[in-house]
Amino acid sequence: MERSILYDFKFYGEKMSWDKLKKITFIRFNILKDYLTVSSSLLISRILGGLITILIARALGNIGFASFSAGFFIMTILGNCTAGIDKTFVFQFVSLKGRQKESILSLYTLLKLYIWLLIMVVTILILFFFRNSFNFDVRFAIFGAIFSVSFWILNYISSIYQALQKFKLYGKTQIIYYLAVFLMVMTLFLLKFNNSYLYLSVYFVGALVLAILLLPFKNLKIISSQKGLAELLQKAKWLIFSEIAWLIFVRLDYFTVSRFICPVDLGNYALALRMINVITIFVSSLSLYILPKAAEIDSLKKLRKFWKVSLGIGISLIGFNIILFLLAKPIVLIFFGREYLPAVKFFRLMILAYLPTIFFPPFKYLILRFSKKIHYFIFNGILLTTYLIFLRMFELKFGSNGPIFIKGLSFLATLLFGVILYLTNKRRNLK
């Protein structure tokens, strides 16, 4: 018999013994501890990343930093281009047992490497043959493409620990990488080095340090199987397209915001956008934490547990958002000063607009678990498409608040698709 979403959410008020209460409390404490481990590690790594950027910008100056930025932009894009494969691997790894886990890890390593190499070579060829068409130094971009292996290594190690659900080691991976890069950049800054190539290469050295210290399965036997690679690529393709759609959506904001906001307000909007990163860090942490949990669902009991965890963390995040909304003005005054008070309005509107994203992870990963992989791509595809449609429809109707309203409407439309797909899906074979 088909169960409703309300059944999945149901909490039971049964009488519990002291031992059972202690067990539930212990489980909830571990859930909170794992979630906060991921959140704090991402927060620390973002702070270190910000400090690294400040040091490099001061060391290189405007012209040098512009050259560095061209290389770093290419480095981050190519280094994260296999994010869809990472998620597919985590999902597959958790659902397999024994030697199958070793096999999927081997295939994942090869496929992730092959796709990165292919994209890197194509990018370098495009940069080289069309070098006269770009208004930046192509040499730095090519250098960044080669050293994008730095983020490839970081994401590879992080994904393995995520699949193993060793969240403390996942956190260490993030912190050790950015701490190693920060210490090397600080050393170069104090020694007054001002070479852009040198600062780009620091990220690669940091990745090598990370691999030496924390690379799991160092004795893994890589077994190539064309059939296995083809099957894994088939499972990953819609996730790859989905991540591309997400990257485009995120970048669109930077290109469209100037159409709504006058130059005077751009700084305030940019500050609010930076502040909203605090919320996106916690949502990203939820996403990282529950992905392997969704892959484990093979019974209604586990599905209910998944919803309890997701809703528990989600409701906590809503509470955190309410606190930020109420304290937005004193936060801006204390950390940024009176000149940025207009940013309070943008920040509060962004808090409201981003609320639906708190529930993106559970619906996205249940789509991945129970529905067709193409529906996962459609989820992010709707986000991108509705943003472009609403942008066309309302670009002159909301004034300087336009980008935020349009983004909020896109988030709501996307969440609605996730809810409808979940409700209409039959979730077969669950007992």
Foldseek 3Di string as FASTA:
>chain_A
DFDFVCVLQDDDPDDDDPVVVVVVVVVVVVLVVLLVLQLVLLVLLVVLVVVLLVLLCVLADDQLSQQLVLLQVLLQCLLCLCVLLLLLLLLVLLLDDDVVNLQSLLLSVVLLVVVSVVVLVVVLVCCVVCVVVDPYHSVSNNLSSVLSVLSNLLSSLLSVCLSVSVSNLNSVSSNQLSVQLSVVSVVCSVVSDHHSSVNSCSSSVSSVVSCVPRPPPPVRDRDDDPVSNVVSCVLRVLSSLLVVLVVCLVVVCVVQLCLFDPPLCPVLLVVLVVVCVSLVSSLVSLLSNCSSLLSPDQASVSSSVSSVSLVVSLVVSLVVLVVCLVCVQVVCCVPPRDSSNVSNVSNNLLSLLCSLSSPVRVLLSNCSNQHDSNVSSVLSVQLNVQLVVQCVVCVPPPHSCSNSVSNSVSSVVSSVSSVVCVRPGRRPNHD
